[in-house]
Amino acid sequence: MRDEDSKFANQIPNLSDVTLCAVDTVNPDLAARALDITLSQCQFADAMLITHATVPTRARIVPIEPIASLAAYSHFMLKRLADHIATPWVLVVQWDGFVTDASQWRRDFLQYDYIGARWPNADTGKDIGNGGFSLRSAKLLKTLASDRFVIESDVGEDVLIGSTWRSALETDFGIRFAPAGIADQFAYEYALPRQPTFGFHGVFNMWRHVEDRAMFEIIDALDIQTLASPRGVALLKNYCDLRKFNCVRAMYRRYREYLSVADVAHAFVHNGLSDEAARNYVTLCEASLAN
């Protein structure tokens, strides 16, 4: 190793108790991208991409059968992830959530069994938090995998952890959830950050962290159901508001390969816009195709 490489390696956080992990059989290339971005900023004990495909990545590939639904993904994260983690903690990332500022890593994060971006509209005590970029202890993983916790609904695995099961996890198993202030240092999702954070989650936030040219490649590579999801539509709205018409064009062109104008307008309404506002955004998107 060259001297300058050694010096740089000594400057990045050494998360020797943490495994870096992504589980993705829908957009594995993009999950690999998130892993590699994170690996460029931190040292981990291990790094793995759990997927059905062989894709280029610095992480090792752990093969599984394709995960067919969000419910199946939640089941894997709750009941099977523990089998793959040999370190005291795991940092879970997704294709749209990764480390953005390694200097914000705090050893204090390891005092807790679960940290995810705070949900600003949830009740206190049920607001920690998002699983797409989250730190989880092996103790939590093993507890969740036990027969005590039965999955009886299709709600997301992070909602089960942070809301539905939180009281039992704390009271009966001594699971420690990070307080809101620590969670806000760790990551953000729906609440705009008031300070630099270690990472983030949410495709609708990617415009802050990914250059436009790289976003064009991501947009082209994304599974259309992911791109046209409510979170994807929120990103399209953000690009419209920012007047980033090259990005609007890239997204909307892919939408119109699968969706009608009325479908896109309905998607905006589904995201909380009025009919008039939705029509205005669609008009803006249509105009982008002509330029």
C-alpha atoms as a PDB file:
ATOM      1  CA  MET A   1       0.000   0.000   0.000  1.00  0.00           C
ATOM      2  CA  ARG A   2       1.298   3.429  -0.896  1.00  0.00           C
ATOM      3  CA  ASP A   3       1.989   5.872   1.956  1.00  0.00           C
ATOM      4  CA  GLU A   4      -0.832   8.184   0.870  1.00  0.00           C
ATOM      5  CA  ASP A   5      -3.252   5.230   0.652  1.00  0.00           C
ATOM      6  CA  SER A   6      -2.234   4.094   4.137  1.00  0.00           C
ATOM      7  CA  LYS A   7      -2.730   7.596   5.500  1.00  0.00           C
ATOM      8  CA  PHE A   8      -6.209   7.789   3.955  1.00  0.00           C
ATOM      9  CA  ALA A   9      -7.147   4.354   5.307  1.00  0.00           C
ATOM     10  CA  ASN A  10      -6.221   5.512   8.807  1.00  0.00           C
ATOM     11  CA  GLN A  11      -8.550   8.484   8.476  1.00  0.00           C
ATOM     12  CA  ILE A  12     -11.734   6.612   7.632  1.00  0.00           C
ATOM     13  CA  PRO A  13     -13.845   5.067  10.403  1.00  0.00           C
ATOM     14  CA  ASN A  14     -12.940   1.515  11.309  1.00  0.00           C
ATOM     15  CA  LEU A  15     -16.218  -0.244  12.042  1.00  0.00           C
ATOM     16  CA  SER A  16     -14.548  -3.491  13.077  1.00  0.00           C
ATOM     17  CA  ASP A  17     -17.649  -4.681  14.965  1.00  0.00           C
ATOM     18  CA  VAL A  18     -20.011  -4.058  12.056  1.00  0.00           C
ATOM     19  CA  THR A  19     -20.998  -5.984   8.937  1.00  0.00           C
ATOM     20  CA  LEU A  20     -22.227  -3.966   5.978  1.00  0.00           C
ATOM     21  CA  CYS A  21     -25.181  -5.641   4.281  1.00  0.00           C
ATOM     22  CA  ALA A  22     -27.744  -5.120   1.548  1.00  0.00           C
ATOM     23  CA  VAL A  23     -30.503  -7.563   0.598  1.00  0.00           C
ATOM     24  CA  ASP A  24     -31.849  -6.994  -2.913  1.00  0.00           C
ATOM     25  CA  THR A  25     -33.139  -9.197  -5.721  1.00  0.00           C
ATOM     26  CA  VAL A  26     -34.932  -6.393  -7.594  1.00  0.00           C
ATOM     27  CA  ASN A  27     -32.205  -3.794  -8.187  1.00  0.00           C
ATOM     28  CA  PRO A  28     -29.039  -5.663  -7.164  1.00  0.00           C
ATOM     29  CA  ASP A  29     -26.743  -3.561  -9.392  1.00  0.00           C
ATOM     30  CA  LEU A  30     -27.881  -0.424  -7.601  1.00  0.00           C
ATOM     31  CA  ALA A  31     -27.629  -2.082  -4.198  1.00  0.00           C
ATOM     32  CA  ALA A  32     -24.036  -2.961  -5.122  1.00  0.00           C
ATOM     33  CA  ARG A  33     -23.473   0.692  -5.960  1.00  0.00           C
ATOM     34  CA  ALA A  34     -24.706   1.746  -2.495  1.00  0.00           C
ATOM     35  CA  LEU A  35     -22.460  -0.834  -0.859  1.00  0.00           C
ATOM     36  CA  ASP A  36     -19.410   0.326  -2.810  1.00  0.00           C
ATOM     37  CA  ILE A  37     -20.063   3.985  -1.995  1.00  0.00           C
ATOM     38  CA  THR A  38     -20.237   3.078   1.686  1.00  0.00           C
ATOM     39  CA  LEU A  39     -17.148   0.861   1.483  1.00  0.00           C
ATOM     40  CA  SER A  40     -15.212   3.777  -0.001  1.00  0.00           C
ATOM     41  CA  GLN A  41     -15.831   5.745   3.199  1.00  0.00           C
ATOM     42  CA  CYS A  42     -15.647   3.189   6.017  1.00  0.00           C
ATOM     43  CA  GLN A  43     -13.879  -0.038   6.927  1.00  0.00           C
ATOM     44  CA  PHE A  44     -16.093  -2.933   7.990  1.00  0.00           C
ATOM     45  CA  ALA A  45     -15.469  -6.374   9.415  1.00  0.00           C
ATOM     46  CA  ASP A  46     -17.424  -7.822   6.482  1.00  0.00           C
ATOM     47  CA  ALA A  47     -19.538  -6.611   3.576  1.00  0.00           C
ATOM     48  CA  MET A  48     -22.147  -8.647   1.736  1.00  0.00           C
ATOM     49  CA  LEU A  49     -24.779  -8.337  -0.933  1.00  0.00           C
ATOM     50  CA  ILE A  50     -27.464 -10.957  -0.415  1.00  0.00           C
ATOM     51  CA  THR A  51     -29.032 -11.493  -3.831  1.00  0.00           C
ATOM     52  CA  HIS A  52     -29.861 -13.962  -6.585  1.00  0.00           C
ATOM     53  CA  ALA A  53     -27.566 -12.320  -9.153  1.00  0.00           C
ATOM     54  CA  THR A  54     -23.870 -11.979  -9.820  1.00  0.00           C
ATOM     55  CA  VAL A  55     -23.063  -8.274 -10.012  1.00  0.00           C
ATOM     56  CA  PRO A  56     -19.797  -6.311  -9.747  1.00  0.00           C
ATOM     57  CA  THR A  57     -19.171  -5.126  -6.187  1.00  0.00           C
ATOM     58  CA  ARG A  58     -16.446  -4.932  -3.564  1.00  0.00           C
ATOM     59  CA  ALA A  59     -18.782  -6.804  -1.212  1.00  0.00           C
ATOM     60  CA  ARG A  60     -19.063 -10.560  -1.293  1.00  0.00           C
ATOM     61  CA  ILE A  61     -22.162 -12.088  -2.869  1.00  0.00           C
ATOM     62  CA  VAL A  62     -24.340 -14.326  -0.716  1.00  0.00           C
ATOM     63  CA  PRO A  63     -26.730 -16.200  -3.032  1.00  0.00           C
ATOM     64  CA  ILE A  64     -30.436 -16.576  -2.270  1.00  0.00           C
ATOM     65  CA  GLU A  65     -33.566 -17.249  -4.282  1.00  0.00           C
ATOM     66  CA  PRO A  66     -35.342 -14.130  -5.609  1.00  0.00           C
ATOM     67  CA  ILE A  67     -37.455 -12.293  -3.048  1.00  0.00           C
ATOM     68  CA  ALA A  68     -40.889 -11.967  -4.617  1.00  0.00           C
ATOM     69  CA  SER A  69     -42.552  -9.222  -2.555  1.00  0.00           C
ATOM     70  CA  LEU A  70     -42.113  -6.599   0.137  1.00  0.00           C
ATOM     71  CA  ALA A  71     -43.696  -9.029   2.582  1.00  0.00           C
ATOM     72  CA  ALA A  72     -41.088 -11.650   1.671  1.00  0.00           C
ATOM     73  CA  TYR A  73     -38.338  -9.044   2.102  1.00  0.00           C
ATOM     74  CA  SER A  74     -39.653  -8.207   5.573  1.00  0.00           C
ATOM     75  CA  HIS A  75     -39.751 -11.886   6.470  1.00  0.00           C
ATOM     76  CA  PHE A  76     -36.124 -12.327   5.384  1.00  0.00           C
ATOM     77  CA  MET A  77     -34.931  -9.293   7.339  1.00  0.00           C
ATOM     78  CA  LEU A  78     -36.777 -10.370  10.475  1.00  0.00           C
ATOM     79  CA  LYS A  79     -36.295 -14.129  10.428  1.00  0.00           C
ATOM     80  CA  ARG A  80     -33.280 -14.978   8.272  1.00  0.00           C
ATOM     81  CA  LEU A  81     -30.835 -12.088   8.377  1.00  0.00           C
ATOM     82  CA  ALA A  82     -29.485 -13.248  11.743  1.00  0.00           C
ATOM     83  CA  ASP A  83     -28.146 -16.414  10.093  1.00  0.00           C
ATOM     84  CA  HIS A  84     -25.773 -14.365   7.923  1.00  0.00           C
ATOM     85  CA  ILE A  85     -24.316 -11.919  10.475  1.00  0.00           C
ATOM     86  CA  ALA A  86     -21.290 -12.921  12.555  1.00  0.00           C
ATOM     87  CA  THR A  87     -20.490  -9.492  14.043  1.00  0.00           C
ATOM     88  CA  PRO A  88     -22.119  -7.680  16.985  1.00  0.00           C
ATOM     89  CA  TRP A  89     -23.798  -5.182  14.614  1.00  0.00           C
ATOM     90  CA  VAL A  90     -24.924  -4.898  11.022  1.00  0.00           C
ATOM     91  CA  LEU A  91     -25.345  -1.718   8.988  1.00  0.00           C
ATOM     92  CA  VAL A  92     -28.226  -2.327   6.601  1.00  0.00           C
ATOM     93  CA  VAL A  93     -28.219  -0.246   3.429  1.00  0.00           C
ATOM     94  CA  GLN A  94     -30.470  -0.215   0.388  1.00  0.00           C
ATOM     95  CA  TRP A  95     -29.937   1.022  -3.145  1.00  0.00           C
ATOM     96  CA  ASP A  96     -31.408   4.404  -2.126  1.00  0.00           C
ATOM     97  CA  GLY A  97     -29.673   4.758   1.235  1.00  0.00           C
ATOM     98  CA  PHE A  98     -25.980   4.766   2.060  1.00  0.00           C
ATOM     99  CA  VAL A  99     -23.225   6.593   3.948  1.00  0.00           C
ATOM    100  CA  THR A 100     -22.844  10.192   2.839  1.00  0.00           C
ATOM    101  CA  ASP A 101     -20.516  11.641   5.477  1.00  0.00           C
ATOM    102  CA  ALA A 102     -18.308   9.150   7.295  1.00  0.00           C
ATOM    103  CA  SER A 103     -16.970  11.902   9.570  1.00  0.00           C
ATOM    104  CA  GLN A 104     -20.355  11.826  11.303  1.00  0.00           C
ATOM    105  CA  TRP A 105     -19.841   8.264  12.566  1.00  0.00           C
ATOM    106  CA  ARG A 106     -20.007   8.094  16.364  1.00  0.00           C
ATOM    107  CA  ARG A 107     -18.921   5.149  18.495  1.00  0.00           C
ATOM    108  CA  ASP A 108     -21.904   6.104  20.668  1.00  0.00           C
ATOM    109  CA  PHE A 109     -24.124   4.599  17.954  1.00  0.00           C
ATOM    110  CA  LEU A 110     -22.955   1.186  19.169  1.00  0.00           C
ATOM    111  CA  GLN A 111     -24.656   1.745  22.524  1.00  0.00           C
ATOM    112  CA  TYR A 112     -27.955   0.881  20.848  1.00  0.00           C
ATOM    113  CA  ASP A 113     -29.545  -2.179  19.282  1.00  0.00           C
ATOM    114  CA  TYR A 114     -31.478  -0.247  16.638  1.00  0.00           C
ATOM    115  CA  ILE A 115     -30.992   3.122  14.959  1.00  0.00           C
ATOM    116  CA  GLY A 116     -32.837   4.319  11.889  1.00  0.00           C
ATOM    117  CA  ALA A 117     -33.875   7.716  10.627  1.00  0.00           C
ATOM    118  CA  ARG A 118     -36.610   9.219  12.789  1.00  0.00           C
ATOM    119  CA  TRP A 119     -40.195   9.175  11.532  1.00  0.00           C
ATOM    120  CA  PRO A 120     -41.318  12.772  12.224  1.00  0.00           C
ATOM    121  CA  ASN A 121     -45.066  12.044  12.214  1.00  0.00           C
ATOM    122  CA  ALA A 122     -44.933   9.018  14.516  1.00  0.00           C
ATOM    123  CA  ASP A 123     -45.645   9.135  18.234  1.00  0.00           C
ATOM    124  CA  THR A 124     -42.663   9.506  20.539  1.00  0.00           C
ATOM    125  CA  GLY A 125     -41.503   6.031  21.467  1.00  0.00           C
ATOM    126  CA  LYS A 126     -42.559   4.657  18.095  1.00  0.00           C
ATOM    127  CA  ASP A 127     -40.541   6.984  15.879  1.00  0.00           C
ATOM    128  CA  ILE A 128     -37.177   5.121  15.578  1.00  0.00           C
ATOM    129  CA  GLY A 129     -37.281   4.417  12.750  1.00  0.00           C
ATOM    130  CA  ASN A 130     -36.468   3.697   9.116  1.00  0.00           C
ATOM    131  CA  GLY A 131     -34.931   0.327   8.253  1.00  0.00           C
ATOM    132  CA  GLY A 132     -33.558   1.146   4.794  1.00  0.00           C
ATOM    133  CA  PHE A 133     -30.445   2.650   6.347  1.00  0.00           C
ATOM    134  CA  SER A 134     -30.221   1.260   9.842  1.00  0.00           C
ATOM    135  CA  LEU A 135     -27.812  -0.082  12.448  1.00  0.00           C
ATOM    136  CA  ARG A 136     -28.970  -3.287  14.133  1.00  0.00           C
ATOM    137  CA  SER A 137     -27.350  -5.412  16.805  1.00  0.00           C
ATOM    138  CA  ALA A 138     -26.938  -9.162  16.587  1.00  0.00           C
ATOM    139  CA  LYS A 139     -28.906  -9.288  19.837  1.00  0.00           C
ATOM    140  CA  LEU A 140     -31.866  -7.665  18.078  1.00  0.00           C
ATOM    141  CA  LEU A 141     -31.582  -9.946  15.037  1.00  0.00           C
ATOM    142  CA  LYS A 142     -31.589 -13.089  17.181  1.00  0.00           C
ATOM    143  CA  THR A 143     -34.479 -11.809  19.263  1.00  0.00           C
ATOM    144  CA  LEU A 144     -36.586 -11.061  16.198  1.00  0.00           C
ATOM    145  CA  ALA A 145     -35.842 -14.490  14.724  1.00  0.00           C
ATOM    146  CA  SER A 146     -37.286 -16.218  17.778  1.00  0.00           C
ATOM    147  CA  ASP A 147     -40.765 -17.726  17.855  1.00  0.00           C
ATOM    148  CA  ARG A 148     -41.910 -14.946  20.195  1.00  0.00           C
ATOM    149  CA  PHE A 149     -42.363 -12.570  17.270  1.00  0.00           C
ATOM    150  CA  VAL A 150     -44.926 -13.785  14.734  1.00  0.00           C
ATOM    151  CA  ILE A 151     -45.456 -11.846  11.514  1.00  0.00           C
ATOM    152  CA  GLU A 152     -49.220 -11.448  11.174  1.00  0.00           C
ATOM    153  CA  SER A 153     -49.457  -8.550   8.717  1.00  0.00           C
ATOM    154  CA  ASP A 154     -47.859  -7.140   5.573  1.00  0.00           C
ATOM    155  CA  VAL A 155     -46.538  -3.986   7.234  1.00  0.00           C
ATOM    156  CA  GLY A 156     -42.877  -3.198   6.735  1.00  0.00           C
ATOM    157  CA  GLU A 157     -40.308  -4.914   8.888  1.00  0.00           C
ATOM    158  CA  ASP A 158     -39.094  -1.586  10.261  1.00  0.00           C
ATOM    159  CA  VAL A 159     -42.634  -0.692  11.371  1.00  0.00           C
ATOM    160  CA  LEU A 160     -42.861  -3.999  13.206  1.00  0.00           C
ATOM    161  CA  ILE A 161     -39.523  -3.352  14.908  1.00  0.00           C
ATOM    162  CA  GLY A 162     -39.917   0.329  15.681  1.00  0.00           C
ATOM    163  CA  SER A 163     -43.640   0.480  16.454  1.00  0.00           C
ATOM    164  CA  THR A 164     -45.625  -2.750  16.709  1.00  0.00           C
ATOM    165  CA  TRP A 165     -43.070  -4.765  18.680  1.00  0.00           C
ATOM    166  CA  ARG A 166     -41.015  -2.010  20.264  1.00  0.00           C
ATOM    167  CA  SER A 167     -42.566  -2.160  23.719  1.00  0.00           C
ATOM    168  CA  ALA A 168     -42.085  -5.921  23.986  1.00  0.00           C
ATOM    169  CA  LEU A 169     -38.544  -5.688  22.627  1.00  0.00           C
ATOM    170  CA  GLU A 170     -37.623  -3.102  25.248  1.00  0.00           C
ATOM    171  CA  THR A 171     -39.485  -4.527  28.210  1.00  0.00           C
ATOM    172  CA  ASP A 172     -38.988  -8.253  27.737  1.00  0.00           C
ATOM    173  CA  PHE A 173     -35.627  -8.410  25.964  1.00  0.00           C
ATOM    174  CA  GLY A 174     -33.793  -5.216  26.942  1.00  0.00           C
ATOM    175  CA  ILE A 175     -33.488  -3.983  23.364  1.00  0.00           C
ATOM    176  CA  ARG A 176     -32.201  -0.400  23.263  1.00  0.00           C
ATOM    177  CA  PHE A 177     -33.595   1.999  20.683  1.00  0.00           C
ATOM    178  CA  ALA A 178     -31.638   5.176  19.999  1.00  0.00           C
ATOM    179  CA  PRO A 179     -33.255   8.409  21.187  1.00  0.00           C
ATOM    180  CA  ALA A 180     -34.424  10.942  18.625  1.00  0.00           C
ATOM    181  CA  GLY A 181     -31.313  13.117  18.910  1.00  0.00           C
ATOM    182  CA  ILE A 182     -28.988  10.210  18.178  1.00  0.00           C
ATOM    183  CA  ALA A 183     -31.197   9.037  15.315  1.00  0.00           C
ATOM    184  CA  ASP A 184     -31.055  12.525  13.808  1.00  0.00           C
ATOM    185  CA  GLN A 185     -27.250  12.395  13.901  1.00  0.00           C
ATOM    186  CA  PHE A 186     -27.275   8.966  12.306  1.00  0.00           C
ATOM    187  CA  ALA A 187     -29.522   9.482   9.277  1.00  0.00           C
ATOM    188  CA  TYR A 188     -32.492  11.276   7.801  1.00  0.00           C
ATOM    189  CA  GLU A 189     -35.384  10.286   5.573  1.00  0.00           C
ATOM    190  CA  TYR A 190     -38.667  12.233   5.775  1.00  0.00           C
ATOM    191  CA  ALA A 191     -37.457  14.950   8.140  1.00  0.00           C
ATOM    192  CA  LEU A 192     -35.044  17.434   6.570  1.00  0.00           C
ATOM    193  CA  PRO A 193     -31.699  17.227   8.372  1.00  0.00           C
ATOM    194  CA  ARG A 194     -30.693  20.133  10.606  1.00  0.00           C
ATOM    195  CA  GLN A 195     -27.090  18.929  10.650  1.00  0.00           C
ATOM    196  CA  PRO A 196     -24.786  16.664   8.651  1.00  0.00           C
ATOM    197  CA  THR A 197     -25.729  12.993   9.070  1.00  0.00           C
ATOM    198  CA  PHE A 198     -23.833   9.744   8.697  1.00  0.00           C
ATOM    199  CA  GLY A 199     -26.241   8.557   6.009  1.00  0.00           C
ATOM    200  CA  PHE A 200     -29.696   8.898   4.524  1.00  0.00           C
ATOM    201  CA  HIS A 201     -32.501   6.901   2.985  1.00  0.00           C
ATOM    202  CA  GLY A 202     -35.092   7.580   0.305  1.00  0.00           C
ATOM    203  CA  VAL A 203     -34.964   7.886  -3.480  1.00  0.00           C
ATOM    204  CA  PHE A 204     -36.694  11.277  -3.112  1.00  0.00           C
ATOM    205  CA  ASN A 205     -33.566  12.512  -1.276  1.00  0.00           C
ATOM    206  CA  MET A 206     -31.053  11.279  -3.826  1.00  0.00           C
ATOM    207  CA  TRP A 207     -30.932  14.594  -5.670  1.00  0.00           C
ATOM    208  CA  ARG A 208     -28.986  15.926  -2.681  1.00  0.00           C
ATOM    209  CA  HIS A 209     -26.314  13.236  -2.848  1.00  0.00           C
ATOM    210  CA  VAL A 210     -26.060  12.004  -6.446  1.00  0.00           C
ATOM    211  CA  GLU A 211     -24.915  14.068  -9.410  1.00  0.00           C
ATOM    212  CA  ASP A 212     -27.356  14.385 -12.286  1.00  0.00           C
ATOM    213  CA  ARG A 213     -25.264  12.331 -14.698  1.00  0.00           C
ATOM    214  CA  ALA A 214     -25.135   9.445 -12.250  1.00  0.00           C
ATOM    215  CA  MET A 215     -28.866   9.785 -11.651  1.00  0.00           C
ATOM    216  CA  PHE A 216     -29.516   9.334 -15.370  1.00  0.00           C
ATOM    217  CA  GLU A 217     -27.830   5.940 -15.162  1.00  0.00           C
ATOM    218  CA  ILE A 218     -29.773   5.017 -12.029  1.00  0.00           C
ATOM    219  CA  ILE A 219     -33.072   6.061 -13.605  1.00  0.00           C
ATOM    220  CA  ASP A 220     -32.352   3.924 -16.667  1.00  0.00           C
ATOM    221  CA  ALA A 221     -31.394   0.922 -14.525  1.00  0.00           C
ATOM    222  CA  LEU A 222     -34.248   1.042 -12.020  1.00  0.00           C
ATOM    223  CA  ASP A 223     -37.049  -1.474 -12.067  1.00  0.00           C
ATOM    224  CA  ILE A 224     -40.083   0.459 -13.353  1.00  0.00           C
ATOM    225  CA  GLN A 225     -42.255  -0.491 -10.388  1.00  0.00           C
ATOM    226  CA  THR A 226     -39.640   1.020  -8.100  1.00  0.00           C
ATOM    227  CA  LEU A 227     -39.267   4.124 -10.246  1.00  0.00           C
ATOM    228  CA  ALA A 228     -43.034   4.675 -10.449  1.00  0.00           C
ATOM    229  CA  SER A 229     -43.646   4.003  -6.744  1.00  0.00           C
ATOM    230  CA  PRO A 230     -44.885   6.849  -4.523  1.00  0.00           C
ATOM    231  CA  ARG A 231     -41.284   7.519  -3.472  1.00  0.00           C
ATOM    232  CA  GLY A 232     -40.181   7.663  -7.092  1.00  0.00           C
ATOM    233  CA  VAL A 233     -42.986  10.089  -7.907  1.00  0.00           C
ATOM    234  CA  ALA A 234     -41.818  12.233  -4.983  1.00  0.00           C
ATOM    235  CA  LEU A 235     -38.370  12.409  -6.626  1.00  0.00           C
ATOM    236  CA  LEU A 236     -39.955  13.448  -9.931  1.00  0.00           C
ATOM    237  CA  LYS A 237     -41.845  16.217  -8.103  1.00  0.00           C
ATOM    238  CA  ASN A 238     -38.627  17.387  -6.454  1.00  0.00           C
ATOM    239  CA  TYR A 239     -36.881  17.582  -9.814  1.00  0.00           C
ATOM    240  CA  CYS A 240     -39.819  19.580 -11.190  1.00  0.00           C
ATOM    241  CA  ASP A 241     -39.666  21.978  -8.238  1.00  0.00           C
ATOM    242  CA  LEU A 242     -35.909  22.331  -8.695  1.00  0.00           C
ATOM    243  CA  ARG A 243     -36.398  22.957 -12.430  1.00  0.00           C
ATOM    244  CA  LYS A 244     -33.900  20.193 -13.190  1.00  0.00           C
ATOM    245  CA  PHE A 245     -35.550  19.455 -16.490  1.00  0.00           C
ATOM    246  CA  ASN A 246     -32.907  17.033 -17.735  1.00  0.00           C
ATOM    247  CA  CYS A 247     -33.712  14.823 -14.759  1.00  0.00           C
ATOM    248  CA  VAL A 248     -37.453  15.376 -15.216  1.00  0.00           C
ATOM    249  CA  ARG A 249     -37.110  14.300 -18.853  1.00  0.00           C
ATOM    250  CA  ALA A 250     -35.110  11.195 -17.951  1.00  0.00           C
ATOM    251  CA  MET A 251     -37.675  10.048 -15.393  1.00  0.00           C
ATOM    252  CA  TYR A 252     -40.801  11.014 -17.279  1.00  0.00           C
ATOM    253  CA  ARG A 253     -39.628   9.366 -20.499  1.00  0.00           C
ATOM    254  CA  ARG A 254     -39.420   6.061 -18.649  1.00  0.00           C
ATOM    255  CA  TYR A 255     -42.802   6.639 -17.009  1.00  0.00           C
ATOM    256  CA  ARG A 256     -44.466   7.184 -20.369  1.00  0.00           C
ATOM    257  CA  GLU A 257     -43.089   3.901 -21.694  1.00  0.00           C
ATOM    258  CA  TYR A 258     -45.415   2.153 -19.236  1.00  0.00           C
ATOM    259  CA  LEU A 259     -47.970   4.714 -18.044  1.00  0.00           C
ATOM    260  CA  SER A 260     -50.494   7.033 -19.636  1.00  0.00           C
ATOM    261  CA  VAL A 261     -50.649  10.753 -18.872  1.00  0.00           C
ATOM    262  CA  ALA A 262     -53.715  10.042 -16.718  1.00  0.00           C
ATOM    263  CA  ASP A 263     -51.794   7.346 -14.817  1.00  0.00           C
ATOM    264  CA  VAL A 264     -48.994   9.774 -13.986  1.00  0.00           C
ATOM    265  CA  ALA A 265     -51.491  12.435 -12.895  1.00  0.00           C
ATOM    266  CA  HIS A 266     -53.158   9.871 -10.638  1.00  0.00           C
ATOM    267  CA  ALA A 267     -49.770   9.006  -9.150  1.00  0.00           C
ATOM    268  CA  PHE A 268     -49.223  12.666  -8.225  1.00  0.00           C
ATOM    269  CA  VAL A 269     -52.690  12.791  -6.637  1.00  0.00           C
ATOM    270  CA  HIS A 270     -51.922   9.593  -4.738  1.00  0.00           C
ATOM    271  CA  ASN A 271     -48.896  11.419  -3.314  1.00  0.00           C
ATOM    272  CA  GLY A 272     -51.149  14.089  -1.848  1.00  0.00           C
ATOM    273  CA  LEU A 273     -51.419  16.691  -4.609  1.00  0.00           C
ATOM    274  CA  SER A 274     -54.694  18.254  -5.696  1.00  0.00           C
ATOM    275  CA  ASP A 275     -56.076  17.384  -9.141  1.00  0.00           C
ATOM    276  CA  GLU A 276     -55.093  20.833 -10.398  1.00  0.00           C
ATOM    277  CA  ALA A 277     -51.550  20.604  -9.031  1.00  0.00           C
ATOM    278  CA  ALA A 278     -51.172  17.111 -10.503  1.00  0.00           C
ATOM    279  CA  ARG A 279     -52.249  18.387 -13.924  1.00  0.00           C
ATOM    280  CA  ASN A 280     -49.727  21.222 -13.677  1.00  0.00           C
ATOM    281  CA  TYR A 281     -46.891  18.830 -12.877  1.00  0.00           C
ATOM    282  CA  VAL A 282     -47.859  16.521 -15.730  1.00  0.00           C
ATOM    283  CA  THR A 283     -47.984  19.481 -18.108  1.00  0.00           C
ATOM    284  CA  LEU A 284     -44.478  20.430 -16.977  1.00  0.00           C
ATOM    285  CA  CYS A 285     -43.311  16.849 -17.509  1.00  0.00           C
ATOM    286  CA  GLU A 286     -44.871  16.656 -20.955  1.00  0.00           C
ATOM    287  CA  ALA A 287     -43.169  19.910 -21.927  1.00  0.00           C
ATOM    288  CA  SER A 288     -39.820  18.462 -20.856  1.00  0.00           C
ATOM    289  CA  LEU A 289     -40.132  15.804 -23.558  1.00  0.00           C
ATOM    290  CA  ALA A 290     -40.434  18.443 -26.240  1.00  0.00           C
ATOM    291  CA  ASN A 291     -37.217  20.223 -25.249  1.00  0.00           C
END
